[in-house]
C-alpha cells in the first residue's frame, strides 16, 4: 500500500464567484525586493519550474508543471497538477481551491499571494496592512475602553480601528484572558453597527446538547422542553455584531452549519423548515492554534478559510508589561477603590509571568483591594493564580473561621471567573469531572436562593 505523507483536500475558501472582468493577479514572493505581479487573464496560468510555464519559478522543490490558476463559473481556482511536493493555501495542502482575495499560497518553498481589485480585495489588503512606526505616531492612544499604551497593544488597536468600519469578519487569536472580548466590543463600538446589539456566544461554555439551539434558535415543540420559540444568537445580534468566543471549541458536526450561516447569512432554527435571513457582523476569538487543528482534522478547512481574512494576534500581558500600571489602576477605579500602588508592588507585577493575563491581573487586584486595610496596595496583599512563583501563598489567605462549603464555593467561583465561565476548563483546573462541577453549581445556587 502506498504511504501518504500529506493530506490534501478540495476546499472552498470563499463562497461566490468573481465576475469575468474582475481584476485579479498573483504576487510572486510578496514582501520581498524581488516581488512581481502577474495578471490572471482568461486563459489558465500555469506555474512550474519548466521554462514553458506562464510563471516560471526557480525552486528545486517546484515540479516542472506544478499548479495552475484559472477562471471558472465557481470563481478563480488554484489546482495542483500532480506535483511532488504539494500546493498549499494558508499552509494547508489542497488539490483544488476557490481562492478569495488575500489568500496566501505556497508552491514548493516559494510564497505567493492572490489579490483582486474589487471590494473583497480592498478589505483583504486593509486587513493585512502593517502599522509601521510612522503611522503609529499619528494613531490615537485610546481605542474605546481598551486600556494600555504599549507599542504592541497600540499596533493591534490601530489595525482594529481600520477594520472596525467594515463588515469584514475578524478573528482574534490569543491566550485566555488577554482581553479578546474587550477588543471585540471596541471594534463594535467603532463600527457602523454600534447602535445595534453586541451578542456574545461562548462556543465552549454551552452544553453540547443545547449549542445548536442557542446558536440558531428553535421552534416551539422542537424537542422536549421547547415550550416556546427561542431566538438564537444570530437572530439576537440582528443588525449588530455576534462575538463567537472560543470558536476552536465548536464541535465538528456543528461547523458546517456555522459555515453555511456565515456564507449565506441565513439560519434554520432547530425543528424549523424555513431559513431566516440574518444580518450580523462576525468577530470570532480563540486561544487555539486553528491551523494545527485543521491539520489534525479537528477543525474544518473551509470554515478556517472563511475566518482567516483578518487574523489578529493578541499579545499576552507578559509581552506588554508597560500596560501593567494603567490596567491595575483602571481596575481599582472600576471597583471603587483607587488605592495607591506602591513601587515594590509594581516591581512584583513586572516580575510575574501572568499565565492568566489581564483577567488574572483583574482578579489579583480585586482580592488585594479587599485585603488592603489602608490607602496603599502593598506586596503582602497580593494573592496569585500560581503562588509558587512568589509570596504570599495560600497560607496567608484569611480562611480561618470559614466553612469548608464557603471555601469550596469561593474556589469554584474564582476559577470560573479565571476561565471566563467555561465550565469544562474550570472543572479540569479544579481536578473534578464536569458533571461534578455542574452539580456543585446547582447546589450553591439552591443554597443562595434559600438564604434570606
Protein backbone atom coordinates (compact mmCIF):
# COMPACT_ATOMS: atom_id res chain seq x y z
CA UNK A 1 0.00 0.00 0.00
CA UNK A 2 1.30 3.43 -0.90
CA UNK A 3 2.09 5.59 2.12
CA UNK A 4 0.56 9.05 2.12
CA UNK A 5 2.81 11.71 3.60
CA UNK A 6 0.45 14.67 3.40
CA UNK A 7 -3.30 15.15 3.47
CA UNK A 8 -4.76 17.07 0.54
CA UNK A 9 -8.25 18.49 0.31
CA UNK A 10 -10.51 20.07 -2.22
CA UNK A 11 -11.77 23.12 -0.36
CA UNK A 12 -13.97 26.15 -0.90
CA UNK A 13 -12.22 29.14 0.59
CA UNK A 14 -14.87 31.73 -0.09
CA UNK A 15 -18.39 31.42 -1.47
CA UNK A 16 -19.47 33.24 -4.59
CA UNK A 17 -17.69 33.83 -7.87
CA UNK A 18 -15.76 36.70 -9.36
CA UNK A 19 -17.21 38.49 -12.36
CA UNK A 20 -15.39 37.55 -15.60
CA UNK A 21 -13.90 41.02 -15.89
CA UNK A 22 -12.79 41.45 -12.25
CA UNK A 23 -9.11 42.31 -11.92
CA UNK A 24 -7.06 39.56 -10.32
CA UNK A 25 -3.36 38.88 -10.03
CA UNK A 26 -0.77 36.63 -8.45
CA UNK A 27 2.03 38.16 -6.37
CA UNK A 28 5.23 36.09 -6.55
CA UNK A 29 7.40 36.49 -3.45
CA UNK A 30 5.17 39.05 -1.66
CA UNK A 31 7.03 41.30 0.76
CA UNK A 32 10.43 40.74 -0.86
CA UNK A 33 12.55 43.03 -3.02
CA UNK A 34 12.09 40.63 -5.94
CA UNK A 35 8.28 40.56 -5.69
CA UNK A 36 6.47 40.61 -9.04
CA UNK A 37 2.85 40.77 -10.09
CA UNK A 38 1.33 38.50 -12.73
CA UNK A 39 -2.12 39.32 -14.08
CA UNK A 40 -4.64 36.47 -14.14
CA UNK A 41 -6.39 36.62 -17.51
CA UNK A 42 -8.97 34.33 -19.10
CA UNK A 43 -6.54 31.57 -20.08
CA UNK A 44 -5.08 29.18 -17.46
CA UNK A 45 -1.94 30.41 -15.73
CA UNK A 46 0.49 27.51 -15.33
CA UNK A 47 3.10 27.67 -12.54
CA UNK A 48 6.19 25.49 -12.54
CA UNK A 49 9.94 25.20 -13.00
CA UNK A 50 9.74 24.44 -16.71
CA UNK A 51 10.65 27.36 -18.96
CA UNK A 52 7.43 26.88 -20.94
CA UNK A 53 5.23 27.74 -17.91
CA UNK A 54 3.46 31.10 -17.66
CA UNK A 55 5.01 31.66 -14.22
CA UNK A 56 8.49 30.17 -14.06
CA UNK A 57 9.72 29.52 -10.51
CA UNK A 58 13.37 28.71 -9.93
CA UNK A 59 12.85 26.46 -6.92
CA UNK A 60 14.14 22.89 -6.69
CA UNK A 61 11.01 21.91 -4.75
CA UNK A 62 8.70 23.03 -7.58
CA UNK A 63 7.64 20.46 -10.19
CA UNK A 64 8.00 21.16 -13.93
CA UNK A 65 4.26 21.83 -14.23
CA UNK A 66 3.27 22.23 -10.59
CA UNK A 67 -0.09 24.04 -10.46
CA UNK A 68 -2.43 26.25 -12.45
CA UNK A 69 -4.80 29.13 -11.79
CA UNK A 70 -7.84 29.61 -14.00
CA UNK A 71 -11.19 31.40 -14.05
CA UNK A 72 -14.34 29.27 -13.77
CA UNK A 73 -18.02 29.82 -13.04
CA UNK A 74 -17.29 28.97 -9.38
CA UNK A 75 -14.56 31.57 -9.15
CA UNK A 76 -10.81 31.72 -9.64
CA UNK A 77 -9.39 28.29 -8.93
CA UNK A 78 -5.94 27.11 -7.89
CA UNK A 79 -5.41 23.49 -8.97
CA UNK A 80 -2.50 21.19 -8.17
CA UNK A 81 -1.24 19.35 -11.29
CA UNK A 82 0.04 16.24 -9.54
CA UNK A 83 3.12 17.91 -8.09
CA UNK A 84 5.70 16.08 -6.00
CA UNK A 85 5.70 18.46 -3.02
CA UNK A 86 2.12 19.72 -2.95
CA UNK A 87 0.29 23.02 -3.30
CA UNK A 88 -0.63 24.90 -0.14
CA UNK A 89 -3.22 27.55 0.67
CA UNK A 90 -2.89 29.13 4.13
CA UNK A 91 -0.39 26.31 4.98
CA UNK A 92 -2.91 23.57 4.14
CA UNK A 93 -2.28 21.12 1.26
CA UNK A 94 -5.01 21.27 -1.37
CA UNK A 95 -5.81 19.62 -4.70
CA UNK A 96 -8.17 22.38 -5.75
CA UNK A 97 -9.30 25.56 -4.05
CA UNK A 98 -11.53 28.50 -4.96
CA UNK A 99 -9.41 31.49 -3.99
CA UNK A 100 -10.54 34.53 -2.09
CA UNK A 101 -8.66 37.80 -2.22
CA UNK A 102 -5.78 37.89 0.20
CA UNK A 103 -5.16 34.14 0.18
CA UNK A 104 -1.57 33.17 0.98
CA UNK A 105 -0.18 30.37 -1.22
CA UNK A 106 2.95 28.24 -1.15
CA UNK A 107 4.26 26.20 -4.07
CA UNK A 108 7.45 24.33 -3.27
CA UNK A 109 9.29 26.72 -0.96
CA UNK A 110 8.07 29.84 -2.78
CA UNK A 111 5.41 32.12 -1.31
CA UNK A 112 2.61 33.70 -3.36
CA UNK A 113 -0.39 35.92 -2.66
CA UNK A 114 -3.66 36.16 -4.57
CA UNK A 115 -5.24 39.60 -4.96
CA UNK A 116 -8.32 41.08 -6.62
CA UNK A 117 -9.23 44.65 -7.46
CA UNK A 118 -12.80 44.51 -6.10
CA UNK A 119 -14.14 45.37 -2.65
CA UNK A 120 -13.11 41.99 -1.24
CA UNK A 121 -9.57 42.67 -2.39
CA UNK A 122 -9.55 46.11 -0.82
CA UNK A 123 -10.70 44.68 2.51
CA UNK A 124 -8.14 41.89 2.35
CA UNK A 125 -5.32 44.38 1.80
CA UNK A 126 -6.67 46.51 4.61
CA UNK A 127 -6.68 43.53 6.96
CA UNK A 128 -3.05 42.73 6.22
CA UNK A 129 -1.64 46.23 6.02
CA UNK A 130 1.06 46.67 8.64
CA UNK A 131 1.02 49.58 11.07
CA UNK A 132 4.53 50.97 10.76
CA UNK A 133 6.23 53.26 13.27
CA UNK A 134 5.41 56.38 11.28
CA UNK A 135 1.72 55.51 11.06
CA UNK A 136 1.72 54.64 14.75
CA UNK A 137 2.78 58.20 15.66
CA UNK A 138 -0.49 59.60 14.30
CA UNK A 139 -2.64 56.87 15.85
CA UNK A 140 -4.74 57.93 18.86
CA UNK A 141 -3.53 56.38 22.13
CA UNK A 142 -7.08 55.33 23.09
CA UNK A 143 -9.36 52.76 21.44
CA UNK A 144 -12.67 52.95 23.29
CA UNK A 145 -12.44 51.01 26.59
CA UNK A 146 -9.10 49.34 25.81
CA UNK A 147 -6.52 50.25 28.47
CA UNK A 148 -2.79 50.39 27.76
CA UNK A 149 -0.26 52.36 25.74
CA UNK A 150 2.40 49.75 24.93
CA UNK A 151 3.57 49.66 21.34
CA UNK A 152 2.32 46.08 20.90
CA UNK A 153 -1.20 46.98 22.04
CA UNK A 154 -1.31 50.23 20.07
CA UNK A 155 -0.44 48.39 16.85
CA UNK A 156 -3.33 45.99 17.46
CA UNK A 157 -5.74 48.82 18.24
CA UNK A 158 -4.64 50.82 15.19
CA UNK A 159 -5.32 47.84 12.93
CA UNK A 160 -8.68 47.09 14.55
CA UNK A 161 -9.66 50.77 14.25
CA UNK A 162 -9.07 50.49 10.48
CA UNK A 163 -11.12 47.30 10.26
CA UNK A 164 -13.97 48.44 12.53
CA UNK A 165 -15.97 50.47 9.95
CA UNK A 166 -16.04 47.49 7.55
CA UNK A 167 -18.12 44.30 7.78
CA UNK A 168 -15.02 42.13 7.47
CA UNK A 169 -15.01 39.06 9.70
CA UNK A 170 -12.25 39.45 12.29
CA UNK A 171 -10.72 36.57 14.23
CA UNK A 172 -8.82 37.41 17.41
CA UNK A 173 -6.20 34.86 18.45
CA UNK A 174 -4.62 34.96 21.88
CA UNK A 175 -4.17 33.23 25.19
CA UNK A 176 -7.00 33.00 27.70
CA UNK A 177 -7.55 36.30 29.49
CA UNK A 178 -5.79 38.60 27.01
CA UNK A 179 -8.87 40.78 26.59
CA UNK A 180 -10.26 39.48 23.31
CA UNK A 181 -13.84 40.32 24.28
CA UNK A 182 -12.84 43.86 25.32
CA UNK A 183 -11.23 44.36 21.90
CA UNK A 184 -14.26 42.88 20.14
CA UNK A 185 -16.56 45.29 21.98
CA UNK A 186 -14.27 48.17 20.99
CA UNK A 187 -14.48 47.13 17.32
CA UNK A 188 -18.27 47.02 17.59
CA UNK A 189 -18.38 50.43 19.31
CA UNK A 190 -16.34 51.94 16.44
CA UNK A 191 -18.39 50.29 13.70
CA UNK A 192 -21.45 51.43 11.80
CA UNK A 193 -23.40 48.85 13.82
CA UNK A 194 -22.61 50.43 17.20
CA UNK A 195 -26.27 51.27 17.91
CA UNK A 196 -27.32 47.66 17.40
CA UNK A 197 -26.81 44.64 19.71
CA UNK A 198 -23.47 43.12 20.64
CA UNK A 199 -24.16 39.46 21.40
CA UNK A 200 -21.60 37.14 23.00
CA UNK A 201 -21.77 33.41 22.28
CA UNK A 202 -19.20 31.21 24.04
CA UNK A 203 -18.79 28.05 21.96
CA UNK A 204 -17.06 26.29 24.86
CA UNK A 205 -19.47 27.17 27.67
CA UNK A 206 -22.78 25.86 26.32
CA UNK A 207 -23.76 22.23 26.89
CA UNK A 208 -23.28 20.21 23.64
CA UNK A 209 -26.96 19.24 23.57
CA UNK A 210 -28.05 22.89 23.61
CA UNK A 211 -25.45 24.63 21.47
CA UNK A 212 -27.32 24.34 18.15
CA UNK A 213 -30.49 25.74 19.71
CA UNK A 214 -28.60 28.56 21.43
CA UNK A 215 -26.79 29.50 18.22
CA UNK A 216 -29.56 29.13 15.64
CA UNK A 217 -32.71 29.10 17.81
CA UNK A 218 -35.56 26.58 17.91
CA UNK A 219 -39.28 26.48 17.20
CA UNK A 220 -41.95 25.52 19.70
CA UNK A 221 -42.13 21.74 20.16
CA UNK A 222 -38.74 21.10 18.51
CA UNK A 223 -37.74 18.88 21.43
CA UNK A 224 -38.83 18.02 24.95
CA UNK A 225 -38.91 21.23 26.95
CA UNK A 226 -39.20 23.54 23.91
CA UNK A 227 -42.45 25.08 25.17
CA UNK A 228 -41.93 28.32 23.22
CA UNK A 229 -39.99 29.62 20.25
CA UNK A 230 -36.42 30.69 21.05
CA UNK A 231 -34.32 33.17 19.10
CA UNK A 232 -30.71 32.07 18.74
CA UNK A 233 -27.58 34.20 18.99
CA UNK A 234 -27.58 35.02 15.26
CA UNK A 235 -31.09 36.46 15.40
CA UNK A 236 -30.48 38.30 18.67
CA UNK A 237 -27.50 40.00 17.01
CA UNK A 238 -29.60 41.18 14.05
CA UNK A 239 -28.11 44.39 12.64
CA UNK A 240 -25.25 44.30 15.15
CA UNK A 241 -22.24 42.13 15.99
CA UNK A 242 -22.07 38.48 17.00
CA UNK A 243 -18.95 37.64 19.02
CA UNK A 244 -18.18 33.91 18.71
CA UNK A 245 -15.83 33.30 21.62
CA UNK A 246 -13.73 30.11 21.81
CA UNK A 247 -14.59 29.26 18.19
CA UNK A 248 -11.98 26.49 18.28
CA UNK A 249 -14.15 24.55 20.75
CA UNK A 250 -17.10 24.21 18.35
CA UNK A 251 -17.85 20.56 17.59
CA UNK A 252 -17.15 19.23 14.10
CA UNK A 253 -20.79 18.33 13.46
CA UNK A 254 -21.89 21.95 14.00
CA UNK A 255 -19.11 23.57 11.99
CA UNK A 256 -20.82 23.01 8.57
CA UNK A 257 -23.98 24.69 9.88
CA UNK A 258 -22.00 27.66 11.16
CA UNK A 259 -20.18 27.91 7.82
CA UNK A 260 -23.50 27.94 5.98
CA UNK A 261 -24.82 30.68 8.26
CA UNK A 262 -21.69 32.78 7.66
CA UNK A 263 -21.75 32.34 3.88
CA UNK A 264 -25.47 32.58 3.17
CA UNK A 265 -26.46 34.84 6.06
CA UNK A 266 -29.38 32.57 6.91
CA UNK A 267 -30.15 30.25 9.83
CA UNK A 268 -32.58 27.39 10.21
CA UNK A 269 -33.91 27.02 13.78
CA UNK A 270 -33.94 23.54 15.29
CA UNK A 271 -37.23 21.89 14.33
CA UNK A 272 -38.00 24.54 11.72
CA UNK A 273 -38.50 24.06 7.98
CA UNK A 274 -37.69 27.57 6.77
CA UNK A 275 -34.46 29.53 6.76
CA UNK A 276 -34.40 33.01 8.26
CA UNK A 277 -32.26 35.86 6.98
CA UNK A 278 -29.76 37.27 9.47
CA UNK A 279 -27.51 40.32 9.27
CA UNK A 280 -24.72 40.32 11.84
CA UNK A 281 -21.04 41.20 11.62
CA UNK A 282 -18.94 38.32 12.95
CA UNK A 283 -16.00 38.65 15.31
CA UNK A 284 -14.51 35.33 16.40
CA UNK A 285 -11.94 34.57 19.09
CA UNK A 286 -9.89 31.57 20.11
CA UNK A 287 -6.89 30.59 22.19
CA UNK A 288 -6.36 27.55 19.96
CA UNK A 289 -3.96 27.07 17.06
CA UNK A 290 -6.61 26.68 14.37
CA UNK A 291 -4.10 25.74 11.68
CA UNK A 292 -2.90 22.84 13.82
CA UNK A 293 -6.49 21.75 14.49
CA UNK A 294 -7.21 21.81 10.76
CA UNK A 295 -4.20 19.57 10.07
CA UNK A 296 -5.41 17.16 12.78
CA UNK A 297 -8.92 17.05 11.31
CA UNK A 298 -10.43 18.79 14.35
CA UNK A 299 -11.50 21.95 12.52
CA UNK A 300 -12.90 22.25 9.01
CA UNK A 301 -10.62 23.78 6.38
CA UNK A 302 -13.43 25.71 4.70
CA UNK A 303 -14.56 27.27 7.98
CA UNK A 304 -10.95 28.16 8.83
CA UNK A 305 -10.52 29.88 5.47
CA UNK A 306 -13.81 31.71 5.98
CA UNK A 307 -12.48 33.10 9.28
CA UNK A 308 -8.93 33.79 8.16
CA UNK A 309 -9.25 37.00 6.13
CA UNK A 310 -8.38 39.15 9.16
CA UNK A 311 -6.47 37.14 11.77
CA UNK A 312 -5.28 39.39 14.58
CA UNK A 313 -2.81 38.03 17.14
CA UNK A 314 -3.31 39.48 20.63
CA UNK A 315 -0.08 39.63 22.68
CA UNK A 316 -0.10 38.17 26.21
CA UNK A 317 0.32 40.50 29.17
CA UNK A 318 3.91 39.33 29.80
CA UNK A 319 4.84 40.81 26.41
CA UNK A 320 3.37 44.23 27.19
CA UNK A 321 4.37 44.82 30.80
CA UNK A 322 4.29 48.58 30.19
CA UNK A 323 0.50 48.33 30.49
CA UNK A 324 0.51 46.81 34.00
CA UNK A 325 0.22 50.07 35.96
CA UNK A 326 -2.54 51.54 33.77
CA UNK A 327 -4.54 48.29 33.87
CA UNK A 328 -4.16 47.89 37.64
CA UNK A 329 -5.22 51.48 38.28
CA UNK A 330 -8.22 51.13 35.97
CA UNK A 331 -9.37 48.01 37.84
CA UNK A 332 -9.07 49.82 41.18
CA UNK A 333 -11.22 52.66 39.85
CA UNK A 334 -13.69 50.13 38.48
CA UNK A 335 -14.23 48.55 41.90
CA UNK A 336 -14.36 51.91 43.62
CA UNK A 337 -11.04 51.68 45.50
CA UNK A 338 -8.46 53.99 43.85
CA UNK A 339 -5.61 52.87 46.11
CA UNK A 340 -2.02 53.95 45.60
CA UNK A 341 0.08 51.14 44.14
CA UNK A 342 3.48 51.09 45.82
CA UNK A 343 6.62 50.80 43.62
CA UNK A 344 7.55 47.49 45.23
CA UNK A 345 4.09 46.16 44.33
CA UNK A 346 4.59 47.18 40.71
CA UNK A 347 8.01 45.52 40.79
CA UNK A 348 6.36 42.22 41.75
CA UNK A 349 3.84 42.68 38.94
CA UNK A 350 6.71 43.19 36.49
CA UNK A 351 8.50 40.01 37.58
CA UNK A 352 5.44 37.78 37.31
CA UNK A 353 4.59 35.96 34.04
CA UNK A 354 0.79 36.39 34.29
CA UNK A 355 -0.36 33.00 32.93
CA UNK A 356 -3.95 34.22 33.28
CA UNK A 357 -3.10 37.52 31.55
CA UNK A 358 -5.32 40.58 32.03
CA UNK A 359 -8.10 38.55 33.62
CA UNK A 360 -5.71 37.26 36.27
CA UNK A 361 -4.46 40.78 36.97
CA UNK A 362 -8.05 41.91 37.47
CA UNK A 363 -8.68 39.08 39.95
CA UNK A 364 -5.44 39.82 41.81
CA UNK A 365 -6.36 43.50 42.10
CA UNK A 366 -9.90 42.67 43.27
CA UNK A 367 -8.68 40.38 46.07
CA UNK A 368 -5.82 42.73 47.05
CA UNK A 369 -8.24 45.65 47.34
CA UNK A 370 -10.30 43.63 49.83
CA UNK A 371 -7.24 42.68 51.88
CA UNK A 372 -5.76 46.19 51.90
CA UNK A 373 -6.60 47.93 55.14
CA UNK A 374 -5.08 51.30 54.30
CA UNK A 375 -4.75 53.66 51.32
CA UNK A 376 -1.96 51.69 49.60
CA UNK A 377 -1.67 48.40 47.74
CA UNK A 378 1.28 46.53 49.21
CA UNK A 379 3.04 43.26 48.24
CA UNK A 380 1.54 41.45 51.24
CA UNK A 381 -1.94 41.99 49.79
CA UNK A 382 -1.21 40.05 46.59
CA UNK A 383 -2.62 36.56 46.01
CA UNK A 384 -1.67 35.00 42.67
CA UNK A 385 -3.02 32.19 40.50
CA UNK A 386 0.33 30.37 40.71
CA UNK A 387 1.53 31.11 44.28
CA UNK A 388 4.79 29.15 43.92
CA UNK A 389 6.17 31.95 41.74
CA UNK A 390 6.12 34.48 44.57
CA UNK A 391 4.81 35.22 48.10
CA UNK A 392 2.38 35.27 49.77
CA UNK A 393 1.00 31.77 49.31
CA UNK A 394 -2.46 30.43 50.08
CA UNK A 395 -1.34 30.05 53.70
CA UNK A 396 -1.65 33.81 54.01
CA UNK A 397 -5.29 33.89 52.96
CA UNK A 398 -7.90 34.72 55.63
CA UNK A 399 -9.53 31.26 55.55
CA UNK A 400 -9.72 30.61 59.29
CA UNK A 401 -13.30 30.57 60.55
CA UNK A 402 -14.77 29.98 57.08
CA UNK A 403 -16.84 26.84 56.48
CA UNK A 404 -15.45 24.32 54.02
CA UNK A 405 -18.56 24.82 51.93
CA UNK A 406 -17.91 28.58 51.68
CA UNK A 407 -14.26 28.00 50.78
CA UNK A 408 -15.25 25.46 48.11
CA UNK A 409 -17.83 27.83 46.64
CA UNK A 410 -15.32 30.70 46.57
CA UNK A 411 -12.73 28.49 44.84
CA UNK A 412 -15.25 27.43 42.18
CA UNK A 413 -16.48 30.99 41.57
CA UNK A 414 -12.91 32.32 41.25
CA UNK A 415 -11.92 29.51 38.87
CA UNK A 416 -15.00 30.14 36.70
CA UNK A 417 -14.03 33.82 36.51
CA UNK A 418 -10.48 32.79 35.63
CA UNK A 419 -11.78 30.82 32.63
CA UNK A 420 -14.49 33.32 31.72
CA UNK A 421 -17.33 30.97 32.65
CA UNK A 422 -16.03 27.97 30.68
CA UNK A 423 -17.13 25.10 32.93
CA UNK A 424 -15.16 22.42 31.10
CA UNK A 425 -11.86 24.27 31.61
CA UNK A 426 -12.78 25.22 35.18
CA UNK A 427 -13.54 21.58 36.07
CA UNK A 428 -10.20 20.50 34.58
CA UNK A 429 -8.34 23.14 36.61
CA UNK A 430 -10.16 22.11 39.82
CA UNK A 431 -9.39 18.43 39.20
CA UNK A 432 -13.04 17.32 39.14
CA UNK A 433 -15.40 15.97 36.50
CA UNK A 434 -17.53 18.48 34.59
CA UNK A 435 -20.69 16.72 35.85
CA UNK A 436 -19.45 17.18 39.45
CA UNK A 437 -18.90 20.87 38.83
CA UNK A 438 -22.40 21.30 37.36
CA UNK A 439 -23.89 19.56 40.43
CA UNK A 440 -21.93 21.78 42.85
CA UNK A 441 -23.04 24.93 40.98
CA UNK A 442 -26.67 23.78 41.22
CA UNK A 443 -26.20 23.14 44.95
CA UNK A 444 -24.69 26.59 45.54
CA UNK A 445 -27.50 28.20 43.50
CA UNK A 446 -30.16 26.45 45.59
CA UNK A 447 -28.40 27.47 48.80
CA UNK A 448 -28.20 31.11 47.64
CA UNK A 449 -31.92 31.13 46.86
CA UNK A 450 -32.72 29.78 50.37
CA UNK A 451 -30.58 32.43 52.05
CA UNK A 452 -32.85 35.28 53.27
